[in-house]
Amino acid sequence: MTDTAEVRANPMETLSALPPEETERLTTDIVAALKTVFDPEIPADIYELGLIYKVEIKDDRAVDVMMTLTTPNCPAAGELPTMVENAVASVPGVGVVSVNVVWEPVWSPERMSDEARLVLNMW
């Protein structure tokens, strides 16, 4: 149980039942898995495109992913969330994976990493 006074004093602190080294390993492996998912129409992975807004690893090892698409009319809208779910679920030690597609904040090219900008020649 979380101490309420402690949470108020430091609202950004993440308390987890998982050891820090396990959380770090899972985070690294989940990011690596996300980098294997590519938008079929764009030659850059979804992580570098900035489509992943949040990844939450819970104490029971369930993982919630909040992501967006480049546009609501994206032709890959039906398949990308499933590809993300499968990629994250393939990480050893991960429990149930839930992917939630959101539209706020709206994706923009400013979210792309330098790596994605280089691949797409968008300097």
PDB file of N, CA and C in Angstrom:
ATOM      1  N   MET A   1       0.838  -1.174   0.000  1.00  0.00           N
ATOM      2  CA  MET A   1       0.000   0.000   0.000  1.00  0.00           C
ATOM      3  C   MET A   1       0.887   1.241   0.000  1.00  0.00           C
ATOM      4  N   THR A   2       0.497   2.247  -0.767  1.00  0.00           N
ATOM      5  CA  THR A   2       1.275   3.469  -0.886  1.00  0.00           C
ATOM      6  C   THR A   2       0.932   4.419   0.242  1.00  0.00           C
ATOM      7  N   ASP A   3       1.955   5.017   0.815  1.00  0.00           N
ATOM      8  CA  ASP A   3       1.757   6.000   1.871  1.00  0.00           C
ATOM      9  C   ASP A   3       1.309   7.310   1.228  1.00  0.00           C
ATOM     10  N   THR A   4       0.143   7.803   1.602  1.00  0.00           N
ATOM     11  CA  THR A   4      -0.432   8.996   0.994  1.00  0.00           C
ATOM     12  C   THR A   4       0.448  10.212   1.175  1.00  0.00           C
ATOM     13  N   ALA A   5       1.010  10.410   2.341  1.00  0.00           N
ATOM     14  CA  ALA A   5       1.872  11.565   2.589  1.00  0.00           C
ATOM     15  C   ALA A   5       3.085  11.521   1.665  1.00  0.00           C
ATOM     16  N   GLU A   6       3.649  10.346   1.474  1.00  0.00           N
ATOM     17  CA  GLU A   6       4.810  10.198   0.608  1.00  0.00           C
ATOM     18  C   GLU A   6       4.455  10.538  -0.836  1.00  0.00           C
ATOM     19  N   VAL A   7       3.288  10.111  -1.291  1.00  0.00           N
ATOM     20  CA  VAL A   7       2.861  10.393  -2.655  1.00  0.00           C
ATOM     21  C   VAL A   7       2.670  11.888  -2.841  1.00  0.00           C
ATOM     22  N   ARG A   8       2.058  12.555  -1.880  1.00  0.00           N
ATOM     23  CA  ARG A   8       1.865  14.005  -1.990  1.00  0.00           C
ATOM     24  C   ARG A   8       3.197  14.745  -2.008  1.00  0.00           C
ATOM     25  N   ALA A   9       4.155  14.260  -1.237  1.00  0.00           N
ATOM     26  CA  ALA A   9       5.443  14.938  -1.152  1.00  0.00           C
ATOM     27  C   ALA A   9       6.229  14.798  -2.453  1.00  0.00           C
ATOM     28  N   ASN A  10       6.066  13.683  -3.150  1.00  0.00           N
ATOM     29  CA  ASN A  10       6.807  13.440  -4.378  1.00  0.00           C
ATOM     30  C   ASN A  10       5.882  12.764  -5.384  1.00  0.00           C
ATOM     31  N   PRO A  11       5.014  13.521  -6.061  1.00  0.00           N
ATOM     32  CA  PRO A  11       4.025  12.919  -6.949  1.00  0.00           C
ATOM     33  C   PRO A  11       4.623  12.234  -8.168  1.00  0.00           C
ATOM     34  N   MET A  12       5.857  12.484  -8.527  1.00  0.00           N
ATOM     35  CA  MET A  12       6.470  11.878  -9.692  1.00  0.00           C
ATOM     36  C   MET A  12       7.143  10.549  -9.384  1.00  0.00           C
ATOM     37  N   GLU A  13       7.260  10.199  -8.140  1.00  0.00           N
ATOM     38  CA  GLU A  13       7.926   8.954  -7.760  1.00  0.00           C
ATOM     39  C   GLU A  13       7.056   7.767  -8.142  1.00  0.00           C
ATOM     40  N   THR A  14       7.682   6.760  -8.735  1.00  0.00           N
ATOM     41  CA  THR A  14       6.967   5.550  -9.117  1.00  0.00           C
ATOM     42  C   THR A  14       7.314   4.463  -8.109  1.00  0.00           C
ATOM     43  N   LEU A  15       6.310   3.930  -7.473  1.00  0.00           N
ATOM     44  CA  LEU A  15       6.514   2.839  -6.523  1.00  0.00           C
ATOM     45  C   LEU A  15       6.104   1.547  -7.207  1.00  0.00           C
ATOM     46  N   SER A  16       6.950   0.551  -7.152  1.00  0.00           N
ATOM     47  CA  SER A  16       6.675  -0.706  -7.824  1.00  0.00           C
ATOM     48  C   SER A  16       7.110  -1.866  -6.953  1.00  0.00           C
ATOM     49  N   ALA A  17       6.371  -2.951  -7.072  1.00  0.00           N
ATOM     50  CA  ALA A  17       6.734  -4.171  -6.367  1.00  0.00           C
ATOM     51  C   ALA A  17       7.866  -4.896  -7.094  1.00  0.00           C
ATOM     52  N   LEU A  18       8.105  -4.546  -8.349  1.00  0.00           N
ATOM     53  CA  LEU A  18       9.184  -5.175  -9.111  1.00  0.00           C
ATOM     54  C   LEU A  18      10.524  -4.545  -8.730  1.00  0.00           C
ATOM     55  N   PRO A  19      11.570  -5.348  -8.674  1.00  0.00           N
ATOM     56  CA  PRO A  19      12.893  -4.787  -8.391  1.00  0.00           C
ATOM     57  C   PRO A  19      13.286  -3.798  -9.491  1.00  0.00           C
ATOM     58  N   PRO A  20      13.999  -2.735  -9.141  1.00  0.00           N
ATOM     59  CA  PRO A  20      14.380  -1.718 -10.135  1.00  0.00           C
ATOM     60  C   PRO A  20      15.118  -2.296 -11.344  1.00  0.00           C
ATOM     61  N   GLU A  21      15.982  -3.269 -11.108  1.00  0.00           N
ATOM     62  CA  GLU A  21      16.724  -3.843 -12.233  1.00  0.00           C
ATOM     63  C   GLU A  21      15.811  -4.618 -13.180  1.00  0.00           C
ATOM     64  N   GLU A  22      14.759  -5.228 -12.655  1.00  0.00           N
ATOM     65  CA  GLU A  22      13.790  -5.937 -13.498  1.00  0.00           C
ATOM     66  C   GLU A  22      12.948  -4.940 -14.281  1.00  0.00           C
ATOM     67  N   THR A  23      12.560  -3.859 -13.655  1.00  0.00           N
ATOM     68  CA  THR A  23      11.800  -2.815 -14.347  1.00  0.00           C
ATOM     69  C   THR A  23      12.647  -2.225 -15.476  1.00  0.00           C
ATOM     70  N   GLU A  24      13.914  -1.990 -15.197  1.00  0.00           N
ATOM     71  CA  GLU A  24      14.816  -1.449 -16.224  1.00  0.00           C
ATOM     72  C   GLU A  24      14.980  -2.427 -17.382  1.00  0.00           C
ATOM     73  N   ARG A  25      15.138  -3.713 -17.068  1.00  0.00           N
ATOM     74  CA  ARG A  25      15.286  -4.727 -18.125  1.00  0.00           C
ATOM     75  C   ARG A  25      14.029  -4.784 -18.975  1.00  0.00           C
ATOM     76  N   LEU A  26      12.859  -4.829 -18.320  1.00  0.00           N
ATOM     77  CA  LEU A  26      11.599  -4.880 -19.059  1.00  0.00           C
ATOM     78  C   LEU A  26      11.436  -3.643 -19.939  1.00  0.00           C
ATOM     79  N   THR A  27      11.762  -2.487 -19.400  1.00  0.00           N
ATOM     80  CA  THR A  27      11.647  -1.246 -20.171  1.00  0.00           C
ATOM     81  C   THR A  27      12.528  -1.295 -21.411  1.00  0.00           C
ATOM     82  N   THR A  28      13.775  -1.682 -21.238  1.00  0.00           N
ATOM     83  CA  THR A  28      14.717  -1.773 -22.359  1.00  0.00           C
ATOM     84  C   THR A  28      14.219  -2.767 -23.401  1.00  0.00           C
ATOM     85  N   ASP A  29      13.760  -3.925 -22.944  1.00  0.00           N
ATOM     86  CA  ASP A  29      13.295  -4.958 -23.866  1.00  0.00           C
ATOM     87  C   ASP A  29      11.993  -4.559 -24.567  1.00  0.00           C
ATOM     88  N   ILE A  30      11.116  -3.856 -23.867  1.00  0.00           N
ATOM     89  CA  ILE A  30       9.864  -3.401 -24.476  1.00  0.00           C
ATOM     90  C   ILE A  30      10.154  -2.356 -25.548  1.00  0.00           C
ATOM     91  N   VAL A  31      11.049  -1.427 -25.271  1.00  0.00           N
ATOM     92  CA  VAL A  31      11.422  -0.419 -26.278  1.00  0.00           C
ATOM     93  C   VAL A  31      12.018  -1.114 -27.501  1.00  0.00           C
ATOM     94  N   ALA A  32      12.887  -2.088 -27.274  1.00  0.00           N
ATOM     95  CA  ALA A  32      13.484  -2.835 -28.391  1.00  0.00           C
ATOM     96  C   ALA A  32      12.394  -3.532 -29.208  1.00  0.00           C
ATOM     97  N   ALA A  33      11.410  -4.104 -28.524  1.00  0.00           N
ATOM     98  CA  ALA A  33      10.310  -4.778 -29.227  1.00  0.00           C
ATOM     99  C   ALA A  33       9.486  -3.775 -30.030  1.00  0.00           C
ATOM    100  N   LEU A  34       9.217  -2.609 -29.443  1.00  0.00           N
ATOM    101  CA  LEU A  34       8.449  -1.576 -30.155  1.00  0.00           C
ATOM    102  C   LEU A  34       9.187  -1.103 -31.405  1.00  0.00           C
ATOM    103  N   LYS A  35      10.507  -1.113 -31.365  1.00  0.00           N
ATOM    104  CA  LYS A  35      11.298  -0.671 -32.512  1.00  0.00           C
ATOM    105  C   LYS A  35      11.272  -1.688 -33.652  1.00  0.00           C
ATOM    106  N   THR A  36      10.678  -2.853 -33.432  1.00  0.00           N
ATOM    107  CA  THR A  36      10.539  -3.836 -34.519  1.00  0.00           C
ATOM    108  C   THR A  36       9.227  -3.645 -35.281  1.00  0.00           C
ATOM    109  N   VAL A  37       8.372  -2.744 -34.799  1.00  0.00           N
ATOM    110  CA  VAL A  37       7.076  -2.511 -35.435  1.00  0.00           C
ATOM    111  C   VAL A  37       7.191  -1.289 -36.343  1.00  0.00           C
ATOM    112  N   PHE A  38       6.898  -1.499 -37.617  1.00  0.00           N
ATOM    113  CA  PHE A  38       6.979  -0.433 -38.603  1.00  0.00           C
ATOM    114  C   PHE A  38       5.603  -0.136 -39.170  1.00  0.00           C
ATOM    115  N   ASP A  39       5.330   1.135 -39.387  1.00  0.00           N
ATOM    116  CA  ASP A  39       4.136   1.523 -40.123  1.00  0.00           C
ATOM    117  C   ASP A  39       4.362   1.021 -41.549  1.00  0.00           C
ATOM    118  N   PRO A  40       3.421   0.257 -42.110  1.00  0.00           N
ATOM    119  CA  PRO A  40       3.633  -0.309 -43.444  1.00  0.00           C
ATOM    120  C   PRO A  40       3.888   0.736 -44.540  1.00  0.00           C
ATOM    121  N   GLU A  41       3.458   1.971 -44.317  1.00  0.00           N
ATOM    122  CA  GLU A  41       3.615   2.995 -45.344  1.00  0.00           C
ATOM    123  C   GLU A  41       4.800   3.928 -45.105  1.00  0.00           C
ATOM    124  N   ILE A  42       5.433   3.812 -43.937  1.00  0.00           N
ATOM    125  CA  ILE A  42       6.537   4.715 -43.581  1.00  0.00           C
ATOM    126  C   ILE A  42       7.737   3.861 -43.176  1.00  0.00           C
ATOM    127  N   PRO A  43       8.889   4.090 -43.784  1.00  0.00           N
ATOM    128  CA  PRO A  43      10.058   3.246 -43.471  1.00  0.00           C
ATOM    129  C   PRO A  43      10.768   3.622 -42.170  1.00  0.00           C
ATOM    130  N   ALA A  44      10.000   3.811 -41.112  1.00  0.00           N
ATOM    131  CA  ALA A  44      10.582   4.084 -39.792  1.00  0.00           C
ATOM    132  C   ALA A  44       9.722   3.352 -38.761  1.00  0.00           C
ATOM    133  N   ASP A  45      10.346   2.945 -37.663  1.00  0.00           N
ATOM    134  CA  ASP A  45       9.579   2.221 -36.648  1.00  0.00           C
ATOM    135  C   ASP A  45       8.689   3.177 -35.858  1.00  0.00           C
ATOM    136  N   ILE A  46       7.652   2.625 -35.253  1.00  0.00           N
ATOM    137  CA  ILE A  46       6.645   3.445 -34.575  1.00  0.00           C
ATOM    138  C   ILE A  46       7.203   4.160 -33.351  1.00  0.00           C
ATOM    139  N   TYR A  47       8.220   3.588 -32.719  1.00  0.00           N
ATOM    140  CA  TYR A  47       8.821   4.233 -31.553  1.00  0.00           C
ATOM    141  C   TYR A  47       9.547   5.509 -31.971  1.00  0.00           C
ATOM    142  N   GLU A  48      10.362   5.419 -33.013  1.00  0.00           N
ATOM    143  CA  GLU A  48      11.110   6.579 -33.495  1.00  0.00           C
ATOM    144  C   GLU A  48      10.180   7.610 -34.148  1.00  0.00           C
ATOM    145  N   LEU A  49       9.048   7.158 -34.677  1.00  0.00           N
ATOM    146  CA  LEU A  49       8.066   8.089 -35.243  1.00  0.00           C
ATOM    147  C   LEU A  49       7.356   8.893 -34.154  1.00  0.00           C
ATOM    148  N   GLY A  50       7.460   8.431 -32.919  1.00  0.00           N
ATOM    149  CA  GLY A  50       6.808   9.135 -31.813  1.00  0.00           C
ATOM    150  C   GLY A  50       5.348   8.754 -31.649  1.00  0.00           C
ATOM    151  N   LEU A  51       4.987   7.566 -32.116  1.00  0.00           N
ATOM    152  CA  LEU A  51       3.605   7.114 -31.997  1.00  0.00           C
ATOM    153  C   LEU A  51       3.299   6.518 -30.624  1.00  0.00           C
ATOM    154  N   ILE A  52       4.329   6.182 -29.865  1.00  0.00           N
ATOM    155  CA  ILE A  52       4.134   5.623 -28.521  1.00  0.00           C
ATOM    156  C   ILE A  52       4.161   6.770 -27.527  1.00  0.00           C
ATOM    157  N   TYR A  53       3.049   6.986 -26.847  1.00  0.00           N
ATOM    158  CA  TYR A  53       2.942   8.080 -25.882  1.00  0.00           C
ATOM    159  C   TYR A  53       3.313   7.640 -24.472  1.00  0.00           C
ATOM    160  N   LYS A  54       2.969   6.407 -24.112  1.00  0.00           N
ATOM    161  CA  LYS A  54       3.231   5.964 -22.744  1.00  0.00           C
ATOM    162  C   LYS A  54       3.242   4.435 -22.690  1.00  0.00           C
ATOM    163  N   VAL A  55       4.143   3.910 -21.882  1.00  0.00           N
ATOM    164  CA  VAL A  55       4.186   2.476 -21.582  1.00  0.00           C
ATOM    165  C   VAL A  55       4.218   2.356 -20.072  1.00  0.00           C
ATOM    166  N   GLU A  56       3.249   1.651 -19.519  1.00  0.00           N
ATOM    167  CA  GLU A  56       3.179   1.471 -18.073  1.00  0.00           C
ATOM    168  C   GLU A  56       3.319  -0.009 -17.749  1.00  0.00           C
ATOM    169  N   ILE A  57       4.334  -0.322 -16.931  1.00  0.00           N
ATOM    170  CA  ILE A  57       4.556  -1.693 -16.468  1.00  0.00           C
ATOM    171  C   ILE A  57       3.987  -1.772 -15.059  1.00  0.00           C
ATOM    172  N   LYS A  58       3.014  -2.627 -14.876  1.00  0.00           N
ATOM    173  CA  LYS A  58       2.353  -2.743 -13.577  1.00  0.00           C
ATOM    174  C   LYS A  58       3.037  -3.796 -12.716  1.00  0.00           C
ATOM    175  N   ASP A  59       2.701  -3.792 -11.433  1.00  0.00           N
ATOM    176  CA  ASP A  59       3.314  -4.721 -10.481  1.00  0.00           C
ATOM    177  C   ASP A  59       3.113  -6.186 -10.866  1.00  0.00           C
ATOM    178  N   ASP A  60       1.997  -6.499 -11.532  1.00  0.00           N
ATOM    179  CA  ASP A  60       1.731  -7.889 -11.934  1.00  0.00           C
ATOM    180  C   ASP A  60       2.315  -8.208 -13.312  1.00  0.00           C
ATOM    181  N   ARG A  61       3.140  -7.273 -13.835  1.00  0.00           N
ATOM    182  CA  ARG A  61       3.829  -7.400 -15.118  1.00  0.00           C
ATOM    183  C   ARG A  61       2.916  -7.155 -16.319  1.00  0.00           C
ATOM    184  N   ALA A  62       1.674  -6.783 -16.071  1.00  0.00           N
ATOM    185  CA  ALA A  62       0.803  -6.355 -17.165  1.00  0.00           C
ATOM    186  C   ALA A  62       1.390  -5.064 -17.720  1.00  0.00           C
ATOM    187  N   VAL A  63       1.215  -4.852 -19.001  1.00  0.00           N
ATOM    188  CA  VAL A  63       1.759  -3.655 -19.647  1.00  0.00           C
ATOM    189  C   VAL A  63       0.642  -2.946 -20.398  1.00  0.00           C
ATOM    190  N   ASP A  64       0.485  -1.655 -20.108  1.00  0.00           N
ATOM    191  CA  ASP A  64      -0.466  -0.810 -20.821  1.00  0.00           C
ATOM    192  C   ASP A  64       0.325   0.108 -21.741  1.00  0.00           C
ATOM    193  N   VAL A  65      -0.061   0.124 -23.005  1.00  0.00           N
ATOM    194  CA  VAL A  65       0.589   0.977 -23.991  1.00  0.00           C
ATOM    195  C   VAL A  65      -0.432   1.987 -24.492  1.00  0.00           C
ATOM    196  N   MET A  66      -0.056   3.257 -24.444  1.00  0.00           N
ATOM    197  CA  MET A  66      -0.891   4.305 -25.013  1.00  0.00           C
ATOM    198  C   MET A  66      -0.161   4.802 -26.255  1.00  0.00           C
ATOM    199  N   MET A  67      -0.841   4.726 -27.390  1.00  0.00           N
ATOM    200  CA  MET A  67      -0.218   5.107 -28.651  1.00  0.00           C
ATOM    201  C   MET A  67      -1.199   5.889 -29.506  1.00  0.00           C
ATOM    202  N   THR A  68      -0.684   6.452 -30.568  1.00  0.00           N
ATOM    203  CA  THR A  68      -1.518   7.131 -31.542  1.00  0.00           C
ATOM    204  C   THR A  68      -1.098   6.672 -32.924  1.00  0.00           C
ATOM    205  N   LEU A  69      -1.717   7.239 -33.916  1.00  0.00           N
ATOM    206  CA  LEU A  69      -1.362   6.987 -35.310  1.00  0.00           C
ATOM    207  C   LEU A  69      -1.075   8.333 -35.951  1.00  0.00           C
ATOM    208  N   THR A  70      -0.437   8.323 -37.106  1.00  0.00           N
ATOM    209  CA  THR A  70      -0.105   9.587 -37.749  1.00  0.00           C
ATOM    210  C   THR A  70      -1.362  10.355 -38.141  1.00  0.00           C
ATOM    211  N   THR A  71      -2.447   9.661 -38.395  1.00  0.00           N
ATOM    212  CA  THR A  71      -3.721  10.272 -38.755  1.00  0.00           C
ATOM    213  C   THR A  71      -4.849   9.303 -38.430  1.00  0.00           C
ATOM    214  N   PRO A  72      -6.028   9.802 -38.083  1.00  0.00           N
ATOM    215  CA  PRO A  72      -7.156   8.893 -37.828  1.00  0.00           C
ATOM    216  C   PRO A  72      -7.525   8.043 -39.040  1.00  0.00           C
ATOM    217  N   ASN A  73      -7.165   8.508 -40.232  1.00  0.00           N
ATOM    218  CA  ASN A  73      -7.473   7.767 -41.459  1.00  0.00           C
ATOM    219  C   ASN A  73      -6.353   6.825 -41.883  1.00  0.00           C
ATOM    220  N   CYS A  74      -5.408   6.584 -41.000  1.00  0.00           N
ATOM    221  CA  CYS A  74      -4.261   5.730 -41.300  1.00  0.00           C
ATOM    222  C   CYS A  74      -4.747   4.351 -41.762  1.00  0.00           C
ATOM    223  N   PRO A  75      -4.298   3.908 -42.941  1.00  0.00           N
ATOM    224  CA  PRO A  75      -4.718   2.592 -43.440  1.00  0.00           C
ATOM    225  C   PRO A  75      -4.291   1.431 -42.531  1.00  0.00           C
ATOM    226  N   ALA A  76      -3.258   1.649 -41.717  1.00  0.00           N
ATOM    227  CA  ALA A  76      -2.767   0.596 -40.826  1.00  0.00           C
ATOM    228  C   ALA A  76      -3.454   0.611 -39.462  1.00  0.00           C
ATOM    229  N   ALA A  77      -4.478   1.441 -39.307  1.00  0.00           N
ATOM    230  CA  ALA A  77      -5.150   1.592 -38.007  1.00  0.00           C
ATOM    231  C   ALA A  77      -5.659   0.267 -37.455  1.00  0.00           C
ATOM    232  N   GLY A  78      -6.079  -0.623 -38.318  1.00  0.00           N
ATOM    233  CA  GLY A  78      -6.597  -1.899 -37.860  1.00  0.00           C
ATOM    234  C   GLY A  78      -5.524  -2.883 -37.432  1.00  0.00           C
ATOM    235  N   GLU A  79      -4.341  -2.767 -38.012  1.00  0.00           N
ATOM    236  CA  GLU A  79      -3.298  -3.754 -37.736  1.00  0.00           C
ATOM    237  C   GLU A  79      -2.199  -3.292 -36.785  1.00  0.00           C
ATOM    238  N   LEU A  80      -1.876  -1.997 -36.756  1.00  0.00           N
ATOM    239  CA  LEU A  80      -0.768  -1.536 -35.912  1.00  0.00           C
ATOM    240  C   LEU A  80      -0.960  -1.826 -34.427  1.00  0.00           C
ATOM    241  N   PRO A  81      -2.126  -1.571 -33.831  1.00  0.00           N
ATOM    242  CA  PRO A  81      -2.274  -1.896 -32.403  1.00  0.00           C
ATOM    243  C   PRO A  81      -2.039  -3.385 -32.103  1.00  0.00           C
ATOM    244  N   THR A  82      -2.480  -4.254 -32.985  1.00  0.00           N
ATOM    245  CA  THR A  82      -2.253  -5.692 -32.788  1.00  0.00           C
ATOM    246  C   THR A  82      -0.774  -6.020 -32.930  1.00  0.00           C
ATOM    247  N   MET A  83      -0.104  -5.364 -33.872  1.00  0.00           N
ATOM    248  CA  MET A  83       1.333  -5.580 -34.035  1.00  0.00           C
ATOM    249  C   MET A  83       2.082  -5.125 -32.783  1.00  0.00           C
ATOM    250  N   VAL A  84       1.663  -4.002 -32.191  1.00  0.00           N
ATOM    251  CA  VAL A  84       2.278  -3.499 -30.963  1.00  0.00           C
ATOM    252  C   VAL A  84       2.025  -4.477 -29.822  1.00  0.00           C
ATOM    253  N   GLU A  85       0.798  -4.923 -29.686  1.00  0.00           N
ATOM    254  CA  GLU A  85       0.456  -5.883 -28.624  1.00  0.00           C
ATOM    255  C   GLU A  85       1.299  -7.139 -28.740  1.00  0.00           C
ATOM    256  N   ASN A  86       1.416  -7.683 -29.940  1.00  0.00           N
ATOM    257  CA  ASN A  86       2.197  -8.908 -30.143  1.00  0.00           C
ATOM    258  C   ASN A  86       3.682  -8.695 -29.860  1.00  0.00           C
ATOM    259  N   ALA A  87       4.211  -7.551 -30.283  1.00  0.00           N
ATOM    260  CA  ALA A  87       5.630  -7.264 -30.053  1.00  0.00           C
ATOM    261  C   ALA A  87       5.932  -7.169 -28.561  1.00  0.00           C
ATOM    262  N   VAL A  88       5.106  -6.423 -27.822  1.00  0.00           N
ATOM    263  CA  VAL A  88       5.337  -6.261 -26.381  1.00  0.00           C
ATOM    264  C   VAL A  88       5.115  -7.587 -25.657  1.00  0.00           C
ATOM    265  N   ALA A  89       4.097  -8.343 -26.064  1.00  0.00           N
ATOM    266  CA  ALA A  89       3.809  -9.630 -25.421  1.00  0.00           C
ATOM    267  C   ALA A  89       4.939 -10.639 -25.632  1.00  0.00           C
ATOM    268  N   SER A  90       5.763 -10.434 -26.664  1.00  0.00           N
ATOM    269  CA  SER A  90       6.862 -11.368 -26.932  1.00  0.00           C
ATOM    270  C   SER A  90       8.048 -11.172 -25.990  1.00  0.00           C
ATOM    271  N   VAL A  91       8.039 -10.099 -25.209  1.00  0.00           N
ATOM    272  CA  VAL A  91       9.139  -9.832 -24.277  1.00  0.00           C
ATOM    273  C   VAL A  91       9.031 -10.780 -23.087  1.00  0.00           C
ATOM    274  N   PRO A  92      10.089 -11.533 -22.782  1.00  0.00           N
ATOM    275  CA  PRO A  92      10.048 -12.438 -21.642  1.00  0.00           C
ATOM    276  C   PRO A  92       9.744 -11.692 -20.344  1.00  0.00           C
ATOM    277  N   GLY A  93       8.800 -12.238 -19.579  1.00  0.00           N
ATOM    278  CA  GLY A  93       8.448 -11.653 -18.292  1.00  0.00           C
ATOM    279  C   GLY A  93       7.274 -10.695 -18.331  1.00  0.00           C
ATOM    280  N   VAL A  94       6.799 -10.373 -19.523  1.00  0.00           N
ATOM    281  CA  VAL A  94       5.657  -9.473 -19.651  1.00  0.00           C
ATOM    282  C   VAL A  94       4.369 -10.269 -19.493  1.00  0.00           C
ATOM    283  N   GLY A  95       3.416  -9.685 -18.770  1.00  0.00           N
ATOM    284  CA  GLY A  95       2.109 -10.309 -18.592  1.00  0.00           C
ATOM    285  C   GLY A  95       1.146  -9.872 -19.683  1.00  0.00           C
ATOM    286  N   VAL A  96      -0.078  -9.628 -19.310  1.00  0.00           N
ATOM    287  CA  VAL A  96      -1.119  -9.217 -20.243  1.00  0.00           C
ATOM    288  C   VAL A  96      -0.792  -7.834 -20.801  1.00  0.00           C
ATOM    289  N   VAL A  97      -0.942  -7.670 -22.112  1.00  0.00           N
ATOM    290  CA  VAL A  97      -0.647  -6.400 -22.775  1.00  0.00           C
ATOM    291  C   VAL A  97      -1.942  -5.774 -23.255  1.00  0.00           C
ATOM    292  N   SER A  98      -2.104  -4.506 -22.958  1.00  0.00           N
ATOM    293  CA  SER A  98      -3.272  -3.745 -23.401  1.00  0.00           C
ATOM    294  C   SER A  98      -2.784  -2.536 -24.187  1.00  0.00           C
ATOM    295  N   VAL A  99      -3.314  -2.367 -25.412  1.00  0.00           N
ATOM    296  CA  VAL A  99      -2.932  -1.241 -26.257  1.00  0.00           C
ATOM    297  C   VAL A  99      -4.149  -0.344 -26.430  1.00  0.00           C
ATOM    298  N   ASN A 100      -3.954   0.923 -26.122  1.00  0.00           N
ATOM    299  CA  ASN A 100      -5.024   1.900 -26.240  1.00  0.00           C
ATOM    300  C   ASN A 100      -4.599   2.974 -27.243  1.00  0.00           C
ATOM    301  N   VAL A 101      -5.377   3.133 -28.327  1.00  0.00           N
ATOM    302  CA  VAL A 101      -5.088   4.159 -29.315  1.00  0.00           C
ATOM    303  C   VAL A 101      -5.819   5.434 -28.903  1.00  0.00           C
ATOM    304  N   VAL A 102      -5.068   6.530 -28.816  1.00  0.00           N
ATOM    305  CA  VAL A 102      -5.632   7.817 -28.422  1.00  0.00           C
ATOM    306  C   VAL A 102      -5.369   8.840 -29.525  1.00  0.00           C
ATOM    307  N   TRP A 103      -6.140   9.909 -29.518  1.00  0.00           N
ATOM    308  CA  TRP A 103      -5.991  10.953 -30.535  1.00  0.00           C
ATOM    309  C   TRP A 103      -5.577  12.291 -29.943  1.00  0.00           C
ATOM    310  N   GLU A 104      -5.450  12.346 -28.633  1.00  0.00           N
ATOM    311  CA  GLU A 104      -4.987  13.556 -27.956  1.00  0.00           C
ATOM    312  C   GLU A 104      -3.796  13.188 -27.096  1.00  0.00           C
ATOM    313  N   PRO A 105      -2.693  13.878 -27.179  1.00  0.00           N
ATOM    314  CA  PRO A 105      -2.458  14.957 -28.121  1.00  0.00           C
ATOM    315  C   PRO A 105      -2.312  14.422 -29.541  1.00  0.00           C
ATOM    316  N   VAL A 106      -2.645  15.262 -30.501  1.00  0.00           N
ATOM    317  CA  VAL A 106      -2.548  14.902 -31.905  1.00  0.00           C
ATOM    318  C   VAL A 106      -1.083  14.693 -32.265  1.00  0.00           C
ATOM    319  N   TRP A 107      -0.809  13.635 -33.025  1.00  0.00           N
ATOM    320  CA  TRP A 107       0.565  13.386 -33.467  1.00  0.00           C
ATOM    321  C   TRP A 107       0.978  14.463 -34.455  1.00  0.00           C
ATOM    322  N   SER A 108       2.257  14.854 -34.393  1.00  0.00           N
ATOM    323  CA  SER A 108       2.823  15.768 -35.375  1.00  0.00           C
ATOM    324  C   SER A 108       4.264  15.332 -35.652  1.00  0.00           C
ATOM    325  N   PRO A 109       4.824  15.738 -36.773  1.00  0.00           N
ATOM    326  CA  PRO A 109       6.199  15.348 -37.111  1.00  0.00           C
ATOM    327  C   PRO A 109       7.233  15.769 -36.069  1.00  0.00           C
ATOM    328  N   GLU A 110       6.917  16.742 -35.230  1.00  0.00           N
ATOM    329  CA  GLU A 110       7.855  17.165 -34.188  1.00  0.00           C
ATOM    330  C   GLU A 110       8.122  16.051 -33.179  1.00  0.00           C
ATOM    331  N   ARG A 111       7.232  15.065 -33.108  1.00  0.00           N
ATOM    332  CA  ARG A 111       7.407  13.951 -32.175  1.00  0.00           C
ATOM    333  C   ARG A 111       8.470  12.953 -32.655  1.00  0.00           C
ATOM    334  N   MET A 112       8.860  13.031 -33.916  1.00  0.00           N
ATOM    335  CA  MET A 112       9.821  12.080 -34.471  1.00  0.00           C
ATOM    336  C   MET A 112      11.215  12.305 -33.908  1.00  0.00           C
ATOM    337  N   SER A 113      11.938  11.222 -33.747  1.00  0.00           N
ATOM    338  CA  SER A 113      13.331  11.306 -33.315  1.00  0.00           C
ATOM    339  C   SER A 113      14.199  11.739 -34.495  1.00  0.00           C
ATOM    340  N   ASP A 114      15.433  12.098 -34.199  1.00  0.00           N
ATOM    341  CA  ASP A 114      16.376  12.443 -35.264  1.00  0.00           C
ATOM    342  C   ASP A 114      16.590  11.258 -36.195  1.00  0.00           C
ATOM    343  N   GLU A 115      16.568  10.053 -35.633  1.00  0.00           N
ATOM    344  CA  GLU A 115      16.739   8.845 -36.450  1.00  0.00           C
ATOM    345  C   GLU A 115      15.632   8.735 -37.501  1.00  0.00           C
ATOM    346  N   ALA A 116      14.377   8.954 -37.081  1.00  0.00           N
ATOM    347  CA  ALA A 116      13.255   8.902 -38.021  1.00  0.00           C
ATOM    348  C   ALA A 116      13.350  10.026 -39.044  1.00  0.00           C
ATOM    349  N   ARG A 117      13.744  11.202 -38.610  1.00  0.00           N
ATOM    350  CA  ARG A 117      13.891  12.333 -39.544  1.00  0.00           C
ATOM    351  C   ARG A 117      14.945  12.021 -40.614  1.00  0.00           C
ATOM    352  N   LEU A 118      16.029  11.367 -40.202  1.00  0.00           N
ATOM    353  CA  LEU A 118      17.088  10.998 -41.139  1.00  0.00           C
ATOM    354  C   LEU A 118      16.569   9.986 -42.152  1.00  0.00           C
ATOM    355  N   VAL A 119      15.893   8.953 -41.677  1.00  0.00           N
ATOM    356  CA  VAL A 119      15.357   7.922 -42.551  1.00  0.00           C
ATOM    357  C   VAL A 119      14.355   8.513 -43.545  1.00  0.00           C
ATOM    358  N   LEU A 120      13.548   9.452 -43.077  1.00  0.00           N
ATOM    359  CA  LEU A 120      12.510  10.037 -43.935  1.00  0.00           C
ATOM    360  C   LEU A 120      12.960  11.305 -44.650  1.00  0.00           C
ATOM    361  N   ASN A 121      14.233  11.672 -44.441  1.00  0.00           N
ATOM    362  CA  ASN A 121      14.791  12.878 -45.059  1.00  0.00           C
ATOM    363  C   ASN A 121      13.913  14.101 -44.786  1.00  0.00           C
ATOM    364  N   MET A 122      13.597  14.293 -43.488  1.00  0.00           N
ATOM    365  CA  MET A 122      12.722  15.393 -43.087  1.00  0.00           C
ATOM    366  C   MET A 122      13.475  16.396 -42.219  1.00  0.00           C
ATOM    367  N   TRP A 123      14.579  16.926 -42.713  1.00  0.00           N
ATOM    368  CA  TRP A 123      15.358  17.910 -41.954  1.00  0.00           C
ATOM    369  C   TRP A 123      14.945  19.272 -42.303  1.00  0.00           C
TER     370      TRP A 123
END
